[in-house]
């Protein structure tokens, strides 16, 4: 069964008109998360004229919003590009700046994290892509790392299934080196999730939806 995860950076602006960014409401991972129609910040053609009438504090806030907008878009673009066919469209949370334009302060990309039923080799290849997508941004978040760890765990399970299939086909048990590789990989995955402190909850694992954020 296919499952989706959303990859979304957090909103550092506490006064976001959309109720805060970086939310992990995976039920609406593919929907617009902006509280109002978004006017792309980069589409503003009268920015310089408007900025001339802003106070020093407003100009400072505007600079931060523009920087955040660039960061969010680059972060989500990295997830999407690395996710390939398993990644969905980018969606953003916007905040209106003092110049009247909307700036992206949060975003998310849906990514299919479901195993390929009945095909462990395809699952292994898919999870490699999912893991790469989760860690694609220059600064992956704790949640990004948690999804990467989940993909690694799913990949290890698929490798174990694949080894079992080969053993059945050859009529022999897996060799001790093969079993040790699997055990080592599983321990590494568990340690990775423990260190990240962002392991998906049992409810998230059961639903197949795992939020990933910057």
Protein backbone atom coordinates (compact mmCIF):
# COMPACT_ATOMS: atom_id res chain seq x y z
CA UNK A 1 0.00 0.00 0.00
CA UNK A 2 1.30 3.39 -0.92
CA UNK A 3 1.80 5.93 1.83
CA UNK A 4 2.64 9.60 1.85
CA UNK A 5 4.92 11.69 4.00
CA UNK A 6 5.04 15.45 3.98
CA UNK A 7 8.31 17.33 4.06
CA UNK A 8 7.93 20.77 5.53
CA UNK A 9 10.21 23.40 7.06
CA UNK A 10 9.07 25.19 10.24
CA UNK A 11 7.91 28.77 10.52
CA UNK A 12 10.24 30.93 12.64
CA UNK A 13 7.80 33.85 12.53
CA UNK A 14 5.50 33.59 15.51
CA UNK A 15 3.00 36.06 14.05
CA UNK A 16 2.22 34.05 10.93
CA UNK A 17 -1.29 34.92 9.73
CA UNK A 18 -1.81 31.34 8.64
CA UNK A 19 -1.55 30.01 12.17
CA UNK A 20 2.08 28.92 12.13
CA UNK A 21 4.11 27.12 9.55
CA UNK A 22 5.88 23.81 9.45
CA UNK A 23 2.76 22.04 10.62
CA UNK A 24 2.69 18.27 10.35
CA UNK A 25 -0.97 17.86 9.42
CA UNK A 26 -0.35 15.10 6.94
CA UNK A 27 -4.03 14.74 6.14
CA UNK A 28 -3.71 17.87 4.02
CA UNK A 29 -0.20 17.29 2.71
CA UNK A 30 -1.25 17.99 -0.87
CA UNK A 31 -3.57 20.90 -0.14
CA UNK A 32 -2.87 24.59 0.08
CA UNK A 33 -1.87 25.49 3.62
CA UNK A 34 -2.11 29.24 3.19
CA UNK A 35 -4.92 31.04 4.97
CA UNK A 36 -5.43 33.38 2.00
CA UNK A 37 -4.67 33.47 -1.75
CA UNK A 38 -0.93 33.56 -2.18
CA UNK A 39 0.71 36.34 -4.14
CA UNK A 40 4.20 35.17 -4.94
CA UNK A 41 6.73 37.39 -3.20
CA UNK A 42 8.95 37.25 -6.23
CA UNK A 43 6.15 38.59 -8.45
CA UNK A 44 6.07 41.98 -6.76
CA UNK A 45 7.23 44.59 -9.25
CA UNK A 46 6.87 47.65 -7.06
CA UNK A 47 8.96 46.43 -4.14
CA UNK A 48 11.54 49.17 -4.20
CA UNK A 49 8.92 51.90 -4.26
CA UNK A 50 6.98 50.35 -1.37
CA UNK A 51 10.11 49.71 0.69
CA UNK A 52 10.95 53.41 0.62
CA UNK A 53 7.94 54.08 2.82
CA UNK A 54 8.79 51.41 5.43
CA UNK A 55 10.26 52.01 8.87
CA UNK A 56 13.68 50.57 9.80
CA UNK A 57 12.00 47.76 11.78
CA UNK A 58 9.74 46.92 8.86
CA UNK A 59 12.67 46.86 6.47
CA UNK A 60 14.48 44.50 8.83
CA UNK A 61 11.46 42.21 8.99
CA UNK A 62 11.13 42.33 5.22
CA UNK A 63 14.76 41.31 4.78
CA UNK A 64 14.21 38.31 7.05
CA UNK A 65 11.03 37.32 5.23
CA UNK A 66 12.75 37.45 1.85
CA UNK A 67 15.61 35.32 3.15
CA UNK A 68 13.18 32.83 4.67
CA UNK A 69 11.21 32.69 1.42
CA UNK A 70 14.35 31.76 -0.52
CA UNK A 71 15.36 29.19 2.09
CA UNK A 72 11.96 27.48 2.13
CA UNK A 73 11.70 27.29 -1.64
CA UNK A 74 15.22 25.89 -1.97
CA UNK A 75 14.56 23.34 0.80
CA UNK A 76 11.36 22.02 -0.79
CA UNK A 77 12.84 22.06 -4.30
CA UNK A 78 15.67 19.84 -3.05
CA UNK A 79 13.20 17.35 -1.57
CA UNK A 80 11.14 17.30 -4.75
CA UNK A 81 14.07 16.96 -7.14
CA UNK A 82 15.64 14.09 -5.20
CA UNK A 83 12.29 12.34 -4.69
CA UNK A 84 11.67 12.03 -8.41
CA UNK A 85 8.54 10.06 -9.25
CA UNK A 86 7.87 9.40 -5.57
CA UNK A 87 7.57 13.11 -4.71
CA UNK A 88 4.49 15.26 -5.15
CA UNK A 89 3.99 18.97 -5.70
CA UNK A 90 5.33 21.63 -3.36
CA UNK A 91 2.87 23.61 -1.23
CA UNK A 92 3.65 26.58 0.95
CA UNK A 93 2.46 28.49 4.00
CA UNK A 94 2.63 32.24 3.46
CA UNK A 95 3.00 35.30 5.63
CA UNK A 96 2.19 38.79 4.46
CA UNK A 97 5.14 41.15 4.68
CA UNK A 98 5.07 44.85 5.57
CA UNK A 99 5.22 45.58 1.82
CA UNK A 100 1.92 43.74 1.26
CA UNK A 101 3.48 40.77 -0.56
CA UNK A 102 3.15 37.14 0.53
CA UNK A 103 6.35 35.32 1.53
CA UNK A 104 6.76 31.57 1.96
CA UNK A 105 7.65 30.79 5.58
CA UNK A 106 6.83 27.08 5.52
CA UNK A 107 6.23 24.37 2.98
CA UNK A 108 5.86 20.70 2.34
CA UNK A 109 6.33 18.08 -0.34
CA UNK A 110 4.43 14.79 -0.24
CA UNK A 111 6.54 11.69 -0.77
CA UNK A 112 5.46 8.09 -1.11
CA UNK A 113 7.10 6.03 1.65
CA UNK A 114 5.18 2.82 1.16
CA UNK A 115 6.96 -0.46 0.47
CA UNK A 116 6.44 -2.11 -2.92
CA UNK A 117 4.21 -5.02 -2.05
CA UNK A 118 5.64 -8.38 -3.00
CA UNK A 119 8.85 -6.94 -4.43
CA UNK A 120 11.62 -6.44 -1.86
CA UNK A 121 14.20 -5.48 -4.51
CA UNK A 122 11.95 -2.68 -5.79
CA UNK A 123 11.34 -1.62 -2.18
CA UNK A 124 15.09 -1.38 -1.57
CA UNK A 125 15.57 0.84 -4.61
CA UNK A 126 12.57 3.00 -3.70
CA UNK A 127 13.69 3.49 -0.10
CA UNK A 128 17.11 4.61 -1.31
CA UNK A 129 15.37 7.35 -3.26
CA UNK A 130 13.11 8.26 -0.34
CA UNK A 131 16.08 8.48 2.02
CA UNK A 132 17.99 10.64 -0.45
CA UNK A 133 14.96 12.92 -0.80
CA UNK A 134 14.59 13.33 2.96
CA UNK A 135 18.25 14.27 3.34
CA UNK A 136 18.51 16.32 0.13
CA UNK A 137 18.33 19.85 1.66
CA UNK A 138 21.55 21.48 2.77
CA UNK A 139 20.31 21.40 6.38
CA UNK A 140 17.94 18.45 6.96
CA UNK A 141 15.73 18.86 10.00
CA UNK A 142 15.25 16.33 12.78
CA UNK A 143 12.02 15.27 11.16
CA UNK A 144 13.75 14.86 7.79
CA UNK A 145 16.27 12.58 9.50
CA UNK A 146 13.49 10.59 11.13
CA UNK A 147 11.92 9.87 7.75
CA UNK A 148 15.34 8.93 6.40
CA UNK A 149 15.69 6.51 9.32
CA UNK A 150 12.27 5.05 8.60
CA UNK A 151 13.23 4.54 4.95
CA UNK A 152 16.42 2.82 6.09
CA UNK A 153 14.46 0.53 8.39
CA UNK A 154 12.05 -0.39 5.59
CA UNK A 155 15.01 -1.02 3.29
CA UNK A 156 16.65 -3.32 5.85
CA UNK A 157 13.43 -5.28 6.21
CA UNK A 158 13.27 -5.65 2.43
CA UNK A 159 16.89 -6.80 2.34
CA UNK A 160 16.08 -9.42 4.96
CA UNK A 161 13.07 -10.59 2.92
CA UNK A 162 15.19 -10.72 -0.22
CA UNK A 163 17.85 -12.79 1.55
CA UNK A 164 15.16 -15.17 2.80
CA UNK A 165 13.78 -15.55 -0.71
CA UNK A 166 17.22 -16.37 -2.10
CA UNK A 167 17.77 -18.88 0.68
CA UNK A 168 14.49 -20.61 -0.10
CA UNK A 169 15.34 -20.69 -3.80
CA UNK A 170 18.77 -22.21 -3.11
CA UNK A 171 17.39 -24.54 -0.48
CA UNK A 172 19.80 -23.33 2.20
CA UNK A 173 19.78 -20.93 5.12
CA UNK A 174 21.31 -17.47 4.93
CA UNK A 175 24.99 -17.46 5.74
CA UNK A 176 26.21 -16.05 9.03
CA UNK A 177 27.82 -13.01 7.30
CA UNK A 178 24.50 -12.21 5.64
CA UNK A 179 22.65 -12.49 8.94
CA UNK A 180 25.24 -10.30 10.66
CA UNK A 181 24.92 -7.60 7.96
CA UNK A 182 21.17 -7.53 8.50
CA UNK A 183 21.53 -7.37 12.30
CA UNK A 184 24.13 -4.61 12.07
CA UNK A 185 21.94 -2.59 9.75
CA UNK A 186 18.97 -2.95 12.06
CA UNK A 187 21.03 -1.83 15.06
CA UNK A 188 22.30 1.15 13.09
CA UNK A 189 18.76 2.15 12.16
CA UNK A 190 17.57 1.87 15.77
CA UNK A 191 20.51 3.93 17.00
CA UNK A 192 19.90 6.54 14.30
CA UNK A 193 16.27 6.97 15.31
CA UNK A 194 17.20 7.11 18.99
CA UNK A 195 19.80 9.81 18.42
CA UNK A 196 17.50 11.87 16.20
CA UNK A 197 14.82 11.79 18.89
CA UNK A 198 12.23 12.15 16.15
CA UNK A 199 11.04 8.59 15.63
CA UNK A 200 7.56 8.37 14.11
CA UNK A 201 4.81 7.61 16.58
CA UNK A 202 2.98 4.30 16.46
CA UNK A 203 -0.10 6.09 15.12
CA UNK A 204 1.90 7.63 12.29
CA UNK A 205 3.49 4.30 11.44
CA UNK A 206 0.09 2.63 11.43
CA UNK A 207 -1.41 5.26 9.11
CA UNK A 208 1.61 5.34 6.81
CA UNK A 209 1.87 9.10 7.07
CA UNK A 210 5.06 10.55 8.53
CA UNK A 211 5.73 14.32 8.62
CA UNK A 212 9.18 15.51 7.62
CA UNK A 213 10.32 19.07 8.29
CA UNK A 214 13.30 21.37 7.98
